Amino acid sequence: LTQIPPTVTLTAQGAPCSFKQLGLYRDIYYTNYSGSNTKRGTEGL
């Protein structure tokens, strides 16, 4: 029942450098959300 957003940071130190083609991706999420009362195999069921 607690939703804590993830954090994302990038830190550099020392000699100069460049960062290219940077992307953030999420995994597939098999949601329990549905307007139906039937949620077979979902959390707690």
PDB file of all heavy atoms in Angstrom:
ATOM      1  N   LEU A   1       0.809  -1.213   0.000  1.00  0.00           N
ATOM      2  CA  LEU A   1       0.000   0.000   0.000  1.00  0.00           C
ATOM      3  C   LEU A   1       0.844   1.265   0.000  1.00  0.00           C
ATOM      4  O   LEU A   1       0.310   2.368   0.111  1.00  0.00           O
ATOM      5  CB  LEU A   1      -0.940  -0.005   1.214  1.00  0.00           C
ATOM      6  CG  LEU A   1      -1.914  -1.192   1.288  1.00  0.00           C
ATOM      7  CD1 LEU A   1      -2.780  -1.093   2.531  1.00  0.00           C
ATOM      8  CD2 LEU A   1      -2.783  -1.259   0.031  1.00  0.00           C
ATOM      9  N   THR A   2       2.147   1.124  -0.124  1.00  0.00           N
ATOM     10  CA  THR A   2       3.048   2.277  -0.109  1.00  0.00           C
ATOM     11  C   THR A   2       3.747   2.382  -1.455  1.00  0.00           C
ATOM     12  O   THR A   2       4.388   1.440  -1.901  1.00  0.00           O
ATOM     13  CB  THR A   2       4.097   2.147   1.009  1.00  0.00           C
ATOM     14  OG1 THR A   2       3.422   2.004   2.267  1.00  0.00           O
ATOM     15  CG2 THR A   2       4.982   3.381   1.054  1.00  0.00           C
ATOM     16  N   GLN A   3       3.608   3.519  -2.100  1.00  0.00           N
ATOM     17  CA  GLN A   3       4.225   3.751  -3.399  1.00  0.00           C
ATOM     18  C   GLN A   3       5.403   4.718  -3.229  1.00  0.00           C
ATOM     19  O   GLN A   3       5.209   5.905  -2.962  1.00  0.00           O
ATOM     20  CB  GLN A   3       3.210   4.319  -4.378  1.00  0.00           C
ATOM     21  CG  GLN A   3       2.088   3.354  -4.733  1.00  0.00           C
ATOM     22  CD  GLN A   3       2.563   2.255  -5.663  1.00  0.00           C
ATOM     23  OE1 GLN A   3       3.203   2.515  -6.667  1.00  0.00           O
ATOM     24  NE2 GLN A   3       2.240   1.028  -5.339  1.00  0.00           N
ATOM     25  N   ILE A   4       6.620   4.217  -3.349  1.00  0.00           N
ATOM     26  CA  ILE A   4       7.826   5.034  -3.219  1.00  0.00           C
ATOM     27  C   ILE A   4       8.489   5.116  -4.595  1.00  0.00           C
ATOM     28  O   ILE A   4       8.970   4.110  -5.114  1.00  0.00           O
ATOM     29  CB  ILE A   4       8.807   4.436  -2.193  1.00  0.00           C
ATOM     30  CG1 ILE A   4       8.117   4.271  -0.832  1.00  0.00           C
ATOM     31  CG2 ILE A   4      10.053   5.308  -2.067  1.00  0.00           C
ATOM     32  CD1 ILE A   4       8.979   3.593   0.205  1.00  0.00           C
ATOM     33  N   PRO A   5       8.544   6.306  -5.195  1.00  0.00           N
ATOM     34  CA  PRO A   5       9.158   6.408  -6.523  1.00  0.00           C
ATOM     35  C   PRO A   5      10.640   6.045  -6.483  1.00  0.00           C
ATOM     36  O   PRO A   5      11.333   6.369  -5.515  1.00  0.00           O
ATOM     37  CB  PRO A   5       8.962   7.895  -6.886  1.00  0.00           C
ATOM     38  CG  PRO A   5       7.880   8.387  -5.978  1.00  0.00           C
ATOM     39  CD  PRO A   5       7.985   7.584  -4.720  1.00  0.00           C
ATOM     40  N   PRO A   6      11.146   5.382  -7.514  1.00  0.00           N
ATOM     41  CA  PRO A   6      12.579   5.082  -7.583  1.00  0.00           C
ATOM     42  C   PRO A   6      13.400   6.367  -7.733  1.00  0.00           C
ATOM     43  O   PRO A   6      12.877   7.423  -8.095  1.00  0.00           O
ATOM     44  CB  PRO A   6      12.704   4.195  -8.818  1.00  0.00           C
ATOM     45  CG  PRO A   6      11.319   3.716  -9.098  1.00  0.00           C
ATOM     46  CD  PRO A   6      10.407   4.789  -8.628  1.00  0.00           C
ATOM     47  N   THR A   7      14.689   6.251  -7.466  1.00  0.00           N
ATOM     48  CA  THR A   7      15.612   7.355  -7.698  1.00  0.00           C
ATOM     49  C   THR A   7      16.618   6.951  -8.776  1.00  0.00           C
ATOM     50  O   THR A   7      16.969   5.779  -8.892  1.00  0.00           O
ATOM     51  CB  THR A   7      16.364   7.735  -6.413  1.00  0.00           C
ATOM     52  OG1 THR A   7      17.026   6.572  -5.901  1.00  0.00           O
ATOM     53  CG2 THR A   7      15.408   8.272  -5.362  1.00  0.00           C
ATOM     54  N   VAL A   8      17.084   7.945  -9.536  1.00  0.00           N
ATOM     55  CA  VAL A   8      18.054   7.714 -10.608  1.00  0.00           C
ATOM     56  C   VAL A   8      19.070   8.846 -10.569  1.00  0.00           C
ATOM     57  O   VAL A   8      18.703  10.018 -10.732  1.00  0.00           O
ATOM     58  CB  VAL A   8      17.380   7.677 -11.993  1.00  0.00           C
ATOM     59  CG1 VAL A   8      18.411   7.421 -13.079  1.00  0.00           C
ATOM     60  CG2 VAL A   8      16.289   6.619 -12.033  1.00  0.00           C
ATOM     61  N   THR A   9      20.348   8.521 -10.331  1.00  0.00           N
ATOM     62  CA  THR A   9      21.397   9.541 -10.352  1.00  0.00           C
ATOM     63  C   THR A   9      22.613   9.018 -11.120  1.00  0.00           C
ATOM     64  O   THR A   9      22.840   7.808 -11.212  1.00  0.00           O
ATOM     65  CB  THR A   9      21.843   9.963  -8.936  1.00  0.00           C
ATOM     66  OG1 THR A   9      22.527   8.879  -8.316  1.00  0.00           O
ATOM     67  CG2 THR A   9      20.662  10.375  -8.082  1.00  0.00           C
ATOM     68  N   LEU A  10      23.396   9.956 -11.639  1.00  0.00           N
ATOM     69  CA  LEU A  10      24.630   9.661 -12.360  1.00  0.00           C
ATOM     70  C   LEU A  10      25.709  10.605 -11.850  1.00  0.00           C
ATOM     71  O   LEU A  10      25.528  11.830 -11.881  1.00  0.00           O
ATOM     72  CB  LEU A  10      24.422   9.843 -13.867  1.00  0.00           C
ATOM     73  CG  LEU A  10      25.635   9.651 -14.775  1.00  0.00           C
ATOM     74  CD1 LEU A  10      26.181   8.237 -14.666  1.00  0.00           C
ATOM     75  CD2 LEU A  10      25.257   9.966 -16.225  1.00  0.00           C
ATOM     76  N   THR A  11      26.831  10.058 -11.368  1.00  0.00           N
ATOM     77  CA  THR A  11      27.903  10.850 -10.767  1.00  0.00           C
ATOM     78  C   THR A  11      29.214  10.587 -11.493  1.00  0.00           C
ATOM     79  O   THR A  11      29.534   9.430 -11.804  1.00  0.00           O
ATOM     80  CB  THR A  11      28.064  10.513  -9.276  1.00  0.00           C
ATOM     81  OG1 THR A  11      26.836  10.764  -8.596  1.00  0.00           O
ATOM     82  CG2 THR A  11      29.161  11.348  -8.641  1.00  0.00           C
ATOM     83  N   ALA A  12      29.963  11.644 -11.746  1.00  0.00           N
ATOM     84  CA  ALA A  12      31.285  11.527 -12.373  1.00  0.00           C
ATOM     85  C   ALA A  12      32.315  12.240 -11.505  1.00  0.00           C
ATOM     86  O   ALA A  12      32.009  13.201 -10.793  1.00  0.00           O
ATOM     87  CB  ALA A  12      31.271  12.109 -13.778  1.00  0.00           C
ATOM     88  N   GLN A  13      33.559  11.755 -11.581  1.00  0.00           N
ATOM     89  CA  GLN A  13      34.650  12.334 -10.798  1.00  0.00           C
ATOM     90  C   GLN A  13      35.962  12.070 -11.540  1.00  0.00           C
ATOM     91  O   GLN A  13      36.110  11.055 -12.223  1.00  0.00           O
ATOM     92  CB  GLN A  13      34.701  11.721  -9.397  1.00  0.00           C
ATOM     93  CG  GLN A  13      35.768  12.302  -8.475  1.00  0.00           C
ATOM     94  CD  GLN A  13      35.737  11.674  -7.092  1.00  0.00           C
ATOM     95  OE1 GLN A  13      34.911  10.799  -6.823  1.00  0.00           O
ATOM     96  NE2 GLN A  13      36.618  12.118  -6.206  1.00  0.00           N
ATOM     97  N   GLY A  14      36.914  12.992 -11.389  1.00  0.00           N
ATOM     98  CA  GLY A  14      38.218  12.789 -12.011  1.00  0.00           C
ATOM     99  C   GLY A  14      38.312  13.445 -13.370  1.00  0.00           C
ATOM    100  O   GLY A  14      37.932  14.602 -13.551  1.00  0.00           O
ATOM    101  N   ALA A  15      38.795  12.690 -14.352  1.00  0.00           N
ATOM    102  CA  ALA A  15      39.078  13.246 -15.672  1.00  0.00           C
ATOM    103  C   ALA A  15      37.803  13.536 -16.457  1.00  0.00           C
ATOM    104  O   ALA A  15      36.751  12.929 -16.210  1.00  0.00           O
ATOM    105  CB  ALA A  15      39.967  12.269 -16.452  1.00  0.00           C
ATOM    106  N   PRO A  16      37.872  14.441 -17.431  1.00  0.00           N
ATOM    107  CA  PRO A  16      36.688  14.779 -18.243  1.00  0.00           C
ATOM    108  C   PRO A  16      36.213  13.586 -19.062  1.00  0.00           C
ATOM    109  O   PRO A  16      36.991  12.715 -19.453  1.00  0.00           O
ATOM    110  CB  PRO A  16      37.192  15.912 -19.149  1.00  0.00           C
ATOM    111  CG  PRO A  16      38.426  16.432 -18.499  1.00  0.00           C
ATOM    112  CD  PRO A  16      39.040  15.283 -17.776  1.00  0.00           C
ATOM    113  N   CYS A  17      34.905  13.584 -19.350  1.00  0.00           N
ATOM    114  CA  CYS A  17      34.304  12.539 -20.176  1.00  0.00           C
ATOM    115  C   CYS A  17      32.969  13.041 -20.710  1.00  0.00           C
ATOM    116  O   CYS A  17      32.445  14.066 -20.261  1.00  0.00           O
ATOM    117  CB  CYS A  17      34.119  11.239 -19.385  1.00  0.00           C
ATOM    118  SG  CYS A  17      33.076  11.420 -17.926  1.00  0.00           S
ATOM    119  N   SER A  18      32.433  12.314 -21.665  1.00  0.00           N
ATOM    120  CA  SER A  18      31.132  12.645 -22.250  1.00  0.00           C
ATOM    121  C   SER A  18      30.209  11.441 -22.166  1.00  0.00           C
ATOM    122  O   SER A  18      30.657  10.292 -22.258  1.00  0.00           O
ATOM    123  CB  SER A  18      31.296  13.068 -23.718  1.00  0.00           C
ATOM    124  OG  SER A  18      32.093  14.218 -23.830  1.00  0.00           O
ATOM    125  N   PHE A  19      28.913  11.721 -22.006  1.00  0.00           N
ATOM    126  CA  PHE A  19      27.895  10.670 -21.940  1.00  0.00           C
ATOM    127  C   PHE A  19      26.926  10.870 -23.097  1.00  0.00           C
ATOM    128  O   PHE A  19      26.322  11.932 -23.241  1.00  0.00           O
ATOM    129  CB  PHE A  19      27.142  10.727 -20.610  1.00  0.00           C
ATOM    130  CG  PHE A  19      28.007  10.448 -19.414  1.00  0.00           C
ATOM    131  CD1 PHE A  19      28.772  11.457 -18.836  1.00  0.00           C
ATOM    132  CD2 PHE A  19      28.070   9.184 -18.852  1.00  0.00           C
ATOM    133  CE1 PHE A  19      29.575  11.208 -17.737  1.00  0.00           C
ATOM    134  CE2 PHE A  19      28.869   8.924 -17.751  1.00  0.00           C
ATOM    135  CZ  PHE A  19      29.623   9.937 -17.190  1.00  0.00           C
ATOM    136  N   LYS A  20      26.776   9.824 -23.928  1.00  0.00           N
ATOM    137  CA  LYS A  20      25.927   9.891 -25.105  1.00  0.00           C
ATOM    138  C   LYS A  20      24.895   8.765 -25.078  1.00  0.00           C
ATOM    139  O   LYS A  20      25.034   7.799 -24.342  1.00  0.00           O
ATOM    140  CB  LYS A  20      26.779   9.777 -26.382  1.00  0.00           C
ATOM    141  CG  LYS A  20      27.863  10.838 -26.526  1.00  0.00           C
ATOM    142  CD  LYS A  20      28.661  10.616 -27.800  1.00  0.00           C
ATOM    143  CE  LYS A  20      29.738  11.678 -27.978  1.00  0.00           C
ATOM    144  NZ  LYS A  20      30.522  11.480 -29.212  1.00  0.00           N
ATOM    145  N   GLN A  21      23.862   8.928 -25.932  1.00  0.00           N
ATOM    146  CA  GLN A  21      22.835   7.892 -26.122  1.00  0.00           C
ATOM    147  C   GLN A  21      22.261   7.426 -24.782  1.00  0.00           C
ATOM    148  O   GLN A  21      22.032   6.243 -24.562  1.00  0.00           O
ATOM    149  CB  GLN A  21      23.419   6.706 -26.897  1.00  0.00           C
ATOM    150  CG  GLN A  21      23.950   7.067 -28.258  1.00  0.00           C
ATOM    151  CD  GLN A  21      24.692   5.947 -28.937  1.00  0.00           C
ATOM    152  OE1 GLN A  21      24.423   4.765 -28.680  1.00  0.00           O
ATOM    153  NE2 GLN A  21      25.635   6.270 -29.809  1.00  0.00           N
ATOM    154  N   LEU A  22      22.030   8.365 -23.909  1.00  0.00           N
ATOM    155  CA  LEU A  22      21.543   8.023 -22.565  1.00  0.00           C
ATOM    156  C   LEU A  22      20.051   7.714 -22.619  1.00  0.00           C
ATOM    157  O   LEU A  22      19.273   8.450 -23.221  1.00  0.00           O
ATOM    158  CB  LEU A  22      21.832   9.163 -21.601  1.00  0.00           C
ATOM    159  CG  LEU A  22      21.566   8.890 -20.127  1.00  0.00           C
ATOM    160  CD1 LEU A  22      22.597   9.608 -19.256  1.00  0.00           C
ATOM    161  CD2 LEU A  22      20.165   9.338 -19.737  1.00  0.00           C
ATOM    162  N   GLY A  23      19.660   6.618 -21.987  1.00  0.00           N
ATOM    163  CA  GLY A  23      18.259   6.229 -21.967  1.00  0.00           C
ATOM    164  C   GLY A  23      17.875   5.562 -20.655  1.00  0.00           C
ATOM    165  O   GLY A  23      18.691   4.884 -20.027  1.00  0.00           O
ATOM    166  N   LEU A  24      16.637   5.776 -20.245  1.00  0.00           N
ATOM    167  CA  LEU A  24      16.082   5.137 -19.059  1.00  0.00           C
ATOM    168  C   LEU A  24      14.953   4.217 -19.511  1.00  0.00           C
ATOM    169  O   LEU A  24      14.075   4.633 -20.284  1.00  0.00           O
ATOM    170  CB  LEU A  24      15.554   6.187 -18.075  1.00  0.00           C
ATOM    171  CG  LEU A  24      15.012   5.666 -16.745  1.00  0.00           C
ATOM    172  CD1 LEU A  24      16.115   5.029 -15.906  1.00  0.00           C
ATOM    173  CD2 LEU A  24      14.342   6.797 -15.960  1.00  0.00           C
ATOM    174  N   TYR A  25      14.956   2.971 -19.030  1.00  0.00           N
ATOM    175  CA  TYR A  25      13.991   1.958 -19.454  1.00  0.00           C
ATOM    176  C   TYR A  25      13.315   1.361 -18.228  1.00  0.00           C
ATOM    177  O   TYR A  25      13.907   1.286 -17.148  1.00  0.00           O
ATOM    178  CB  TYR A  25      14.689   0.830 -20.223  1.00  0.00           C
ATOM    179  CG  TYR A  25      15.436   1.280 -21.450  1.00  0.00           C
ATOM    180  CD1 TYR A  25      16.686   1.900 -21.349  1.00  0.00           C
ATOM    181  CD2 TYR A  25      14.907   1.081 -22.726  1.00  0.00           C
ATOM    182  CE1 TYR A  25      17.379   2.315 -22.480  1.00  0.00           C
ATOM    183  CE2 TYR A  25      15.605   1.483 -23.863  1.00  0.00           C
ATOM    184  CZ  TYR A  25      16.837   2.101 -23.727  1.00  0.00           C
ATOM    185  OH  TYR A  25      17.517   2.502 -24.842  1.00  0.00           O
ATOM    186  N   ARG A  26      12.074   0.917 -18.422  1.00  0.00           N
ATOM    187  CA  ARG A  26      11.370   0.180 -17.367  1.00  0.00           C
ATOM    188  C   ARG A  26      11.059  -1.223 -17.851  1.00  0.00           C
ATOM    189  O   ARG A  26      10.934  -1.483 -19.059  1.00  0.00           O
ATOM    190  CB  ARG A  26      10.084   0.884 -16.955  1.00  0.00           C
ATOM    191  CG  ARG A  26       8.956   0.837 -17.993  1.00  0.00           C
ATOM    192  CD  ARG A  26       7.653   1.277 -17.371  1.00  0.00           C
ATOM    193  NE  ARG A  26       6.542   1.332 -18.297  1.00  0.00           N
ATOM    194  CZ  ARG A  26       5.750   0.314 -18.604  1.00  0.00           C
ATOM    195  NH1 ARG A  26       6.016  -0.891 -18.094  1.00  0.00           N
ATOM    196  NH2 ARG A  26       4.731   0.462 -19.427  1.00  0.00           N
ATOM    197  N   ASP A  27      10.891  -2.132 -16.904  1.00  0.00           N
ATOM    198  CA  ASP A  27      10.550  -3.510 -17.238  1.00  0.00           C
ATOM    199  C   ASP A  27       9.055  -3.637 -17.501  1.00  0.00           C
ATOM    200  O   ASP A  27       8.258  -2.772 -17.089  1.00  0.00           O
ATOM    201  CB  ASP A  27      10.969  -4.422 -16.072  1.00  0.00           C
ATOM    202  CG  ASP A  27      10.894  -5.902 -16.420  1.00  0.00           C
ATOM    203  OD1 ASP A  27      10.827  -6.229 -17.619  1.00  0.00           O
ATOM    204  OD2 ASP A  27      10.902  -6.731 -15.488  1.00  0.00           O
ATOM    205  N   ILE A  28       8.656  -4.701 -18.168  1.00  0.00           N
ATOM    206  CA  ILE A  28       7.235  -5.009 -18.318  1.00  0.00           C
ATOM    207  C   ILE A  28       6.627  -5.195 -16.933  1.00  0.00           C
ATOM    208  O   ILE A  28       7.279  -5.657 -15.997  1.00  0.00           O
ATOM    209  CB  ILE A  28       7.034  -6.275 -19.175  1.00  0.00           C
ATOM    210  CG1 ILE A  28       5.559  -6.491 -19.496  1.00  0.00           C
ATOM    211  CG2 ILE A  28       7.641  -7.499 -18.504  1.00  0.00           C
ATOM    212  CD1 ILE A  28       5.317  -7.628 -20.465  1.00  0.00           C
ATOM    213  N   TYR A  29       5.354  -4.797 -16.783  1.00  0.00           N
ATOM    214  CA  TYR A  29       4.689  -4.852 -15.481  1.00  0.00           C
ATOM    215  C   TYR A  29       3.333  -5.529 -15.671  1.00  0.00           C
ATOM    216  O   TYR A  29       2.448  -4.991 -16.338  1.00  0.00           O
ATOM    217  CB  TYR A  29       4.508  -3.439 -14.933  1.00  0.00           C
ATOM    218  CG  TYR A  29       4.012  -3.372 -13.503  1.00  0.00           C
ATOM    219  CD1 TYR A  29       4.895  -3.210 -12.448  1.00  0.00           C
ATOM    220  CD2 TYR A  29       2.662  -3.451 -13.216  1.00  0.00           C
ATOM    221  CE1 TYR A  29       4.458  -3.133 -11.141  1.00  0.00           C
ATOM    222  CE2 TYR A  29       2.196  -3.384 -11.914  1.00  0.00           C
ATOM    223  CZ  TYR A  29       3.102  -3.215 -10.876  1.00  0.00           C
ATOM    224  OH  TYR A  29       2.656  -3.143  -9.582  1.00  0.00           O
ATOM    225  N   TYR A  30       3.178  -6.709 -15.089  1.00  0.00           N
ATOM    226  CA  TYR A  30       1.891  -7.413 -15.161  1.00  0.00           C
ATOM    227  C   TYR A  30       1.000  -6.857 -14.058  1.00  0.00           C
ATOM    228  O   TYR A  30       1.069  -7.259 -12.909  1.00  0.00           O
ATOM    229  CB  TYR A  30       2.097  -8.922 -15.013  1.00  0.00           C
ATOM    230  CG  TYR A  30       2.816  -9.530 -16.187  1.00  0.00           C
ATOM    231  CD1 TYR A  30       4.139  -9.941 -16.083  1.00  0.00           C
ATOM    232  CD2 TYR A  30       2.182  -9.667 -17.416  1.00  0.00           C
ATOM    233  CE1 TYR A  30       4.808 -10.487 -17.172  1.00  0.00           C
ATOM    234  CE2 TYR A  30       2.847 -10.204 -18.514  1.00  0.00           C
ATOM    235  CZ  TYR A  30       4.155 -10.612 -18.380  1.00  0.00           C
ATOM    236  OH  TYR A  30       4.822 -11.139 -19.463  1.00  0.00           O
ATOM    237  N   THR A  31       0.185  -5.892 -14.430  1.00  0.00           N
ATOM    238  CA  THR A  31      -0.570  -5.135 -13.445  1.00  0.00           C
ATOM    239  C   THR A  31      -1.701  -5.948 -12.846  1.00  0.00           C
ATOM    240  O   THR A  31      -2.313  -6.798 -13.503  1.00  0.00           O
ATOM    241  CB  THR A  31      -1.120  -3.851 -14.068  1.00  0.00           C
ATOM    242  OG1 THR A  31      -1.902  -3.157 -13.102  1.00  0.00           O
ATOM    243  CG2 THR A  31      -2.004  -4.149 -15.266  1.00  0.00           C
ATOM    244  N   ASN A  32      -1.981  -5.651 -11.575  1.00  0.00           N
ATOM    245  CA  ASN A  32      -3.160  -6.211 -10.913  1.00  0.00           C
ATOM    246  C   ASN A  32      -4.387  -5.346 -11.146  1.00  0.00           C
ATOM    247  O   ASN A  32      -5.484  -5.709 -10.778  1.00  0.00           O
ATOM    248  CB  ASN A  32      -2.926  -6.322  -9.401  1.00  0.00           C
ATOM    249  CG  ASN A  32      -1.870  -7.359  -9.060  1.00  0.00           C
ATOM    250  OD1 ASN A  32      -1.695  -8.322  -9.786  1.00  0.00           O
ATOM    251  ND2 ASN A  32      -1.162  -7.157  -7.968  1.00  0.00           N
ATOM    252  N   TYR A  33      -4.181  -4.168 -11.745  1.00  0.00           N
ATOM    253  CA  TYR A  33      -5.290  -3.243 -11.938  1.00  0.00           C
ATOM    254  C   TYR A  33      -6.259  -3.765 -12.987  1.00  0.00           C
ATOM    255  O   TYR A  33      -5.856  -4.177 -14.052  1.00  0.00           O
ATOM    256  CB  TYR A  33      -4.783  -1.865 -12.373  1.00  0.00           C
ATOM    257  CG  TYR A  33      -5.907  -0.905 -12.694  1.00  0.00           C
ATOM    258  CD1 TYR A  33      -6.514  -0.174 -11.693  1.00  0.00           C
ATOM    259  CD2 TYR A  33      -6.386  -0.775 -13.988  1.00  0.00           C
ATOM    260  CE1 TYR A  33      -7.554   0.687 -11.976  1.00  0.00           C
ATOM    261  CE2 TYR A  33      -7.420   0.079 -14.286  1.00  0.00           C
ATOM    262  CZ  TYR A  33      -7.999   0.810 -13.271  1.00  0.00           C
ATOM    263  OH  TYR A  33      -9.039   1.657 -13.557  1.00  0.00           O
ATOM    264  N   SER A  34      -7.533  -3.703 -12.665  1.00  0.00           N
ATOM    265  CA  SER A  34      -8.561  -4.070 -13.636  1.00  0.00           C
ATOM    266  C   SER A  34      -9.912  -3.621 -13.115  1.00  0.00           C
ATOM    267  O   SER A  34     -10.151  -3.583 -11.904  1.00  0.00           O
ATOM    268  CB  SER A  34      -8.586  -5.586 -13.873  1.00  0.00           C
ATOM    269  OG  SER A  34      -9.693  -5.932 -14.674  1.00  0.00           O
ATOM    270  N   GLY A  35     -10.811  -3.266 -14.018  1.00  0.00           N
ATOM    271  CA  GLY A  35     -12.163  -2.926 -13.611  1.00  0.00           C
ATOM    272  C   GLY A  35     -12.974  -4.153 -13.244  1.00  0.00           C
ATOM    273  O   GLY A  35     -14.068  -4.060 -12.710  1.00  0.00           O
ATOM    274  N   SER A  36     -12.434  -5.336 -13.526  1.00  0.00           N
ATOM    275  CA  SER A  36     -13.137  -6.581 -13.244  1.00  0.00           C
ATOM    276  C   SER A  36     -12.882  -7.030 -11.816  1.00  0.00           C
ATOM    277  O   SER A  36     -11.842  -6.762 -11.234  1.00  0.00           O
ATOM    278  CB  SER A  36     -12.684  -7.675 -14.218  1.00  0.00           C
ATOM    279  OG  SER A  36     -13.161  -8.935 -13.803  1.00  0.00           O
ATOM    280  N   ASN A  37     -13.836  -7.723 -11.234  1.00  0.00           N
ATOM    281  CA  ASN A  37     -13.646  -8.290  -9.894  1.00  0.00           C
ATOM    282  C   ASN A  37     -12.775  -9.537  -9.941  1.00  0.00           C
ATOM    283  O   ASN A  37     -12.276  -9.986  -8.917  1.00  0.00           O
ATOM    284  CB  ASN A  37     -15.007  -8.634  -9.268  1.00  0.00           C
ATOM    285  CG  ASN A  37     -15.822  -7.392  -8.955  1.00  0.00           C
ATOM    286  OD1 ASN A  37     -15.263  -6.360  -8.600  1.00  0.00           O
ATOM    287  ND2 ASN A  37     -17.136  -7.482  -9.101  1.00  0.00           N
ATOM    288  N   THR A  38     -12.613 -10.094 -11.121  1.00  0.00           N
ATOM    289  CA  THR A  38     -11.797 -11.295 -11.274  1.00  0.00           C
ATOM    290  C   THR A  38     -10.348 -10.898 -11.495  1.00  0.00           C
ATOM    291  O   THR A  38     -10.041 -10.207 -12.451  1.00  0.00           O
ATOM    292  CB  THR A  38     -12.291 -12.132 -12.469  1.00  0.00           C
ATOM    293  OG1 THR A  38     -13.673 -12.416 -12.304  1.00  0.00           O
ATOM    294  CG2 THR A  38     -11.514 -13.429 -12.570  1.00  0.00           C
ATOM    295  N   LYS A  39      -9.463 -11.312 -10.594  1.00  0.00           N
ATOM    296  CA  LYS A  39      -8.038 -11.008 -10.721  1.00  0.00           C
ATOM    297  C   LYS A  39      -7.263 -12.273 -10.381  1.00  0.00           C
ATOM    298  O   LYS A  39      -6.463 -12.307  -9.467  1.00  0.00           O
ATOM    299  CB  LYS A  39      -7.650  -9.853  -9.806  1.00  0.00           C
ATOM    300  CG  LYS A  39      -8.401  -8.554 -10.086  1.00  0.00           C
ATOM    301  CD  LYS A  39      -8.013  -7.474  -9.093  1.00  0.00           C
ATOM    302  CE  LYS A  39      -8.822  -6.211  -9.322  1.00  0.00           C
ATOM    303  NZ  LYS A  39      -8.486  -5.150  -8.350  1.00  0.00           N
ATOM    304  N   ARG A  40      -7.523 -13.297 -11.104  1.00  0.00           N
ATOM    305  CA  ARG A  40      -6.968 -14.623 -10.836  1.00  0.00           C
ATOM    306  C   ARG A  40      -5.447 -14.602 -10.917  1.00  0.00           C
ATOM    307  O   ARG A  40      -4.863 -14.077 -11.857  1.00  0.00           O
ATOM    308  CB  ARG A  40      -7.554 -15.586 -11.864  1.00  0.00           C
ATOM    309  CG  ARG A  40      -7.329 -17.041 -11.632  1.00  0.00           C
ATOM    310  CD  ARG A  40      -8.071 -17.841 -12.687  1.00  0.00           C
ATOM    311  NE  ARG A  40      -9.499 -17.565 -12.690  1.00  0.00           N
ATOM    312  CZ  ARG A  40     -10.109 -16.807 -13.601  1.00  0.00           C
ATOM    313  NH1 ARG A  40      -9.426 -16.262 -14.586  1.00  0.00           N
ATOM    314  NH2 ARG A  40     -11.401 -16.599 -13.548  1.00  0.00           N
ATOM    315  N   GLY A  41      -4.797 -15.175  -9.914  1.00  0.00           N
ATOM    316  CA  GLY A  41      -3.351 -15.262  -9.927  1.00  0.00           C
ATOM    317  C   GLY A  41      -2.646 -13.980  -9.537  1.00  0.00           C
ATOM    318  O   GLY A  41      -1.416 -13.922  -9.570  1.00  0.00           O
ATOM    319  N   THR A  42      -3.394 -12.957  -9.164  1.00  0.00           N
ATOM    320  CA  THR A  42      -2.770 -11.696  -8.793  1.00  0.00           C
ATOM    321  C   THR A  42      -2.487 -11.672  -7.300  1.00  0.00           C
ATOM    322  O   THR A  42      -2.740 -12.642  -6.585  1.00  0.00           O
ATOM    323  CB  THR A  42      -3.670 -10.515  -9.203  1.00  0.00           C
ATOM    324  OG1 THR A  42      -4.961 -10.663  -8.594  1.00  0.00           O
ATOM    325  CG2 THR A  42      -3.840 -10.466 -10.704  1.00  0.00           C
ATOM    326  N   GLU A  43      -1.930 -10.551  -6.832  1.00  0.00           N
ATOM    327  CA  GLU A  43      -1.421 -10.487  -5.468  1.00  0.00           C
ATOM    328  C   GLU A  43      -2.496 -10.834  -4.434  1.00  0.00           C
ATOM    329  O   GLU A  43      -3.574 -10.255  -4.407  1.00  0.00           O
ATOM    330  CB  GLU A  43      -0.875  -9.089  -5.198  1.00  0.00           C
ATOM    331  CG  GLU A  43      -0.062  -8.989  -3.938  1.00  0.00           C
ATOM    332  CD  GLU A  43       0.784  -7.727  -3.916  1.00  0.00           C
ATOM    333  OE1 GLU A  43       0.927  -7.079  -4.981  1.00  0.00           O
ATOM    334  OE2 GLU A  43       1.305  -7.405  -2.846  1.00  0.00           O
ATOM    335  N   GLY A  44      -2.193 -11.824  -3.616  1.00  0.00           N
ATOM    336  CA  GLY A  44      -3.135 -12.288  -2.608  1.00  0.00           C
ATOM    337  C   GLY A  44      -4.126 -13.317  -3.107  1.00  0.00           C
ATOM    338  O   GLY A  44      -4.909 -13.856  -2.317  1.00  0.00           O
ATOM    339  N   LEU A  45      -4.097 -13.602  -4.408  1.00  0.00           N
ATOM    340  CA  LEU A  45      -5.014 -14.586  -5.002  1.00  0.00           C
ATOM    341  C   LEU A  45      -4.228 -15.591  -5.843  1.00  0.00           C
ATOM    342  O   LEU A  45      -4.410 -15.696  -7.055  1.00  0.00           O
ATOM    343  CB  LEU A  45      -6.071 -13.892  -5.870  1.00  0.00           C
ATOM    344  CG  LEU A  45      -7.028 -12.940  -5.170  1.00  0.00           C
ATOM    345  CD1 LEU A  45      -7.864 -12.178  -6.186  1.00  0.00           C
ATOM    346  CD2 LEU A  45      -7.939 -13.707  -4.213  1.00  0.00           C
TER     347      LEU A  45
END
